[in-house]
């Protein structure tokens, strides 16, 4: 059984598409429908297109009319509403494309939505630079030597210890108002993270790096 869902939202479109056959559900917001159509994504594989349709009327796509789900709640973003539908359909593992790029307030809003769903779903974002997602208080990832790693507290993390990074932390703390952990990189094949409290957004670069730029 394919227990993972694929969701496209209205940020920068992906340079390449994942294999749609590995997913049990595929959806997009109305804004993302534009770039999927332009880039030749197999639209017949979409299970639904949701949103308030301020980005797309749907009038020229009658062949897909039965897949449109109108969601008018202006107190929630299209991303939020799409996740609610996916959750109702029984999926909790979600790969998200189009979460970054474009207007940066949208990017920050998407992170806030992901935070709201982090205890209900495992959301993983992908863009041309990195994968990023919230990680549990004990976390390990293999096969990432020489890749850029960023740790972003949301909004703070206490008693954090890491291994496998060029600049490790030992019982440290991170906060968006004082100290964050961006632009680190993995010096070992496996990176481990443990922390006591708070929430942590983890970024891992797509490509290996030779000379990391440190800020």
Protein backbone atom coordinates (compact mmCIF):
# COMPACT_ATOMS: atom_id res chain seq x y z
CA UNK A 1 0.00 0.00 0.00
CA UNK A 2 1.29 3.45 -0.90
CA UNK A 3 0.93 5.34 2.37
CA UNK A 4 2.58 8.61 1.36
CA UNK A 5 0.96 11.70 -0.18
CA UNK A 6 2.46 14.26 -2.56
CA UNK A 7 1.37 17.90 -2.37
CA UNK A 8 2.32 20.80 -4.64
CA UNK A 9 1.80 24.33 -3.32
CA UNK A 10 2.29 27.75 -4.87
CA UNK A 11 5.96 28.58 -4.33
CA UNK A 12 8.82 27.95 -6.75
CA UNK A 13 8.04 24.97 -8.92
CA UNK A 14 10.35 21.94 -8.70
CA UNK A 15 13.06 21.53 -11.33
CA UNK A 16 12.25 17.84 -11.55
CA UNK A 17 9.24 15.89 -10.39
CA UNK A 18 9.32 12.87 -8.08
CA UNK A 19 7.93 9.60 -9.41
CA UNK A 20 4.16 9.95 -8.97
CA UNK A 21 3.72 6.18 -8.85
CA UNK A 22 5.30 6.00 -5.40
CA UNK A 23 2.42 7.97 -3.85
CA UNK A 24 -1.03 6.89 -2.75
CA UNK A 25 -2.46 10.40 -3.12
CA UNK A 26 -1.38 13.40 -5.20
CA UNK A 27 -2.84 16.87 -4.76
CA UNK A 28 -2.13 20.53 -5.42
CA UNK A 29 -3.41 23.93 -4.45
CA UNK A 30 -5.08 26.01 -7.12
CA UNK A 31 -2.01 28.22 -7.59
CA UNK A 32 0.29 25.24 -8.09
CA UNK A 33 -2.05 23.86 -10.75
CA UNK A 34 -0.71 26.53 -13.13
CA UNK A 35 2.89 25.37 -13.08
CA UNK A 36 1.96 21.68 -13.09
CA UNK A 37 0.04 22.27 -16.30
CA UNK A 38 2.83 24.34 -17.87
CA UNK A 39 5.54 21.85 -16.96
CA UNK A 40 3.68 18.85 -18.29
CA UNK A 41 2.93 17.05 -15.05
CA UNK A 42 0.40 14.21 -15.67
CA UNK A 43 -2.67 16.04 -14.38
CA UNK A 44 -4.80 12.93 -14.58
CA UNK A 45 -2.83 11.60 -11.58
CA UNK A 46 -4.09 14.43 -9.35
CA UNK A 47 -6.61 13.29 -6.76
CA UNK A 48 -7.75 16.81 -5.99
CA UNK A 49 -7.04 20.51 -6.58
CA UNK A 50 -8.06 22.68 -3.62
CA UNK A 51 -8.20 26.34 -2.70
CA UNK A 52 -10.31 29.45 -2.88
CA UNK A 53 -9.42 29.68 -6.60
CA UNK A 54 -8.21 33.25 -6.35
CA UNK A 55 -5.21 31.97 -8.33
CA UNK A 56 -7.15 29.82 -10.76
CA UNK A 57 -10.79 29.86 -11.82
CA UNK A 58 -10.86 26.38 -13.27
CA UNK A 59 -13.14 27.54 -16.08
CA UNK A 60 -10.75 26.35 -18.79
CA UNK A 61 -10.13 22.96 -17.20
CA UNK A 62 -13.59 21.39 -17.25
CA UNK A 63 -12.07 17.97 -17.82
CA UNK A 64 -10.72 18.14 -14.24
CA UNK A 65 -13.77 19.85 -12.74
CA UNK A 66 -14.67 16.86 -10.60
CA UNK A 67 -11.30 17.17 -8.83
CA UNK A 68 -11.74 20.80 -7.73
CA UNK A 69 -12.45 21.27 -4.03
CA UNK A 70 -13.52 24.81 -3.15
CA UNK A 71 -12.22 25.90 0.30
CA UNK A 72 -13.33 29.43 1.13
CA UNK A 73 -12.12 29.80 4.74
CA UNK A 74 -10.03 32.98 4.62
CA UNK A 75 -8.67 32.33 8.13
CA UNK A 76 -6.58 29.47 6.73
CA UNK A 77 -4.10 29.33 3.88
CA UNK A 78 -4.62 27.06 0.88
CA UNK A 79 -1.73 24.93 2.16
CA UNK A 80 -3.43 24.51 5.55
CA UNK A 81 -6.74 23.56 3.95
CA UNK A 82 -5.10 21.05 1.61
CA UNK A 83 -3.42 19.35 4.56
CA UNK A 84 -6.76 19.08 6.33
CA UNK A 85 -8.21 17.27 3.32
CA UNK A 86 -5.21 14.95 3.07
CA UNK A 87 -5.44 14.15 6.77
CA UNK A 88 -9.16 13.40 6.42
CA UNK A 89 -8.24 10.91 3.69
CA UNK A 90 -5.98 9.06 6.07
CA UNK A 91 -2.48 10.15 5.01
CA UNK A 92 0.11 11.31 7.54
CA UNK A 93 3.33 11.09 5.47
CA UNK A 94 3.45 14.08 3.12
CA UNK A 95 6.11 15.27 0.65
CA UNK A 96 5.64 18.96 -0.16
CA UNK A 97 6.99 20.80 -3.20
CA UNK A 98 6.64 24.54 -3.77
CA UNK A 99 6.93 25.51 -0.10
CA UNK A 100 9.69 28.07 -0.62
CA UNK A 101 10.55 30.75 -3.14
CA UNK A 102 8.30 33.50 -4.35
CA UNK A 103 7.06 35.91 -1.70
CA UNK A 104 8.88 35.27 1.56
CA UNK A 105 5.84 35.86 3.76
CA UNK A 106 4.34 32.79 2.05
CA UNK A 107 7.43 30.78 2.98
CA UNK A 108 7.19 31.83 6.62
CA UNK A 109 3.48 31.11 6.58
CA UNK A 110 4.14 27.63 5.21
CA UNK A 111 6.55 26.90 8.06
CA UNK A 112 3.92 28.05 10.54
CA UNK A 113 1.36 25.73 8.96
CA UNK A 114 3.85 22.84 9.12
CA UNK A 115 4.39 23.60 12.79
CA UNK A 116 0.64 23.44 13.42
CA UNK A 117 0.48 19.96 11.85
CA UNK A 118 3.76 18.54 13.18
CA UNK A 119 2.08 16.31 15.79
CA UNK A 120 -0.43 14.97 13.24
CA UNK A 121 1.68 14.54 10.12
CA UNK A 122 5.25 13.98 9.03
CA UNK A 123 5.77 16.79 6.53
CA UNK A 124 8.93 16.97 4.44
CA UNK A 125 9.58 19.97 2.18
CA UNK A 126 11.74 19.82 -0.94
CA UNK A 127 13.21 22.63 -3.02
CA UNK A 128 16.20 23.00 -5.35
CA UNK A 129 18.56 23.62 -2.42
CA UNK A 130 17.49 21.40 0.45
CA UNK A 131 15.05 19.16 2.24
CA UNK A 132 13.65 20.51 5.49
CA UNK A 133 11.30 19.30 8.18
CA UNK A 134 10.68 19.27 11.92
CA UNK A 135 12.62 16.55 13.71
CA UNK A 136 11.78 14.65 16.92
CA UNK A 137 13.78 15.05 20.11
CA UNK A 138 15.95 12.07 19.20
CA UNK A 139 16.91 11.96 15.53
CA UNK A 140 19.53 10.36 13.26
CA UNK A 141 20.17 10.69 9.54
CA UNK A 142 22.70 8.72 7.50
CA UNK A 143 24.36 9.28 4.14
CA UNK A 144 24.83 13.05 4.45
CA UNK A 145 28.58 13.56 4.80
CA UNK A 146 29.73 16.87 3.23
CA UNK A 147 26.20 18.20 2.99
CA UNK A 148 25.12 21.55 4.39
CA UNK A 149 23.14 21.24 7.62
CA UNK A 150 21.13 23.97 9.30
CA UNK A 151 19.36 23.78 12.64
CA UNK A 152 16.64 26.34 13.13
CA UNK A 153 14.88 26.66 16.51
CA UNK A 154 11.16 27.24 16.31
CA UNK A 155 11.33 29.38 18.40
CA UNK A 156 13.75 27.77 20.86
CA UNK A 157 15.45 24.47 21.68
CA UNK A 158 16.97 23.54 25.03
CA UNK A 159 19.71 21.08 25.99
CA UNK A 160 20.63 20.10 22.43
CA UNK A 161 23.54 17.80 21.65
CA UNK A 162 24.69 16.91 18.14
CA UNK A 163 27.26 14.56 16.65
CA UNK A 164 28.64 14.36 13.13
CA UNK A 165 28.65 18.11 12.48
CA UNK A 166 31.67 20.34 11.92
CA UNK A 167 30.49 22.57 14.76
CA UNK A 168 28.86 20.24 17.29
CA UNK A 169 26.67 21.27 20.18
CA UNK A 170 26.88 19.77 23.66
CA UNK A 171 23.96 20.51 25.98
CA UNK A 172 23.51 23.83 24.24
CA UNK A 173 20.51 26.00 23.51
CA UNK A 174 19.20 27.69 20.38
CA UNK A 175 16.75 30.56 20.01
CA UNK A 176 15.60 32.71 17.10
CA UNK A 177 16.30 35.77 19.26
CA UNK A 178 19.89 34.91 20.17
CA UNK A 179 21.58 31.88 18.61
CA UNK A 180 20.64 29.70 15.65
CA UNK A 181 22.49 26.83 14.01
CA UNK A 182 22.51 27.61 10.31
CA UNK A 183 25.24 26.91 7.72
CA UNK A 184 26.88 23.99 9.49
CA UNK A 185 27.88 20.86 7.57
CA UNK A 186 28.20 17.13 8.15
CA UNK A 187 31.71 15.75 8.59
CA UNK A 188 30.53 12.19 9.22
CA UNK A 189 28.18 9.92 7.31
CA UNK A 190 25.67 9.96 10.18
CA UNK A 191 24.40 12.99 12.08
CA UNK A 192 22.54 12.60 15.36
CA UNK A 193 20.54 15.19 17.28
CA UNK A 194 19.05 15.02 20.74
CA UNK A 195 17.31 17.82 22.59
CA UNK A 196 15.20 18.15 25.70
CA UNK A 197 12.53 20.70 24.84
CA UNK A 198 11.34 23.02 22.11
CA UNK A 199 10.94 22.40 18.37
CA UNK A 200 13.66 22.13 15.75
CA UNK A 201 13.50 22.65 12.01
CA UNK A 202 16.21 20.63 10.24
CA UNK A 203 17.63 21.52 6.80
CA UNK A 204 19.90 19.23 4.79
CA UNK A 205 21.39 20.37 1.50
CA UNK A 206 20.63 18.46 -1.68
CA UNK A 207 24.21 18.46 -2.94
CA UNK A 208 27.56 17.71 -1.36
CA UNK A 209 29.81 20.70 -0.78
CA UNK A 210 33.57 21.08 -1.03
CA UNK A 211 34.11 24.53 0.44
CA UNK A 212 31.24 25.50 2.72
CA UNK A 213 30.38 29.17 3.01
CA UNK A 214 30.02 29.98 6.68
CA UNK A 215 28.02 33.01 7.84
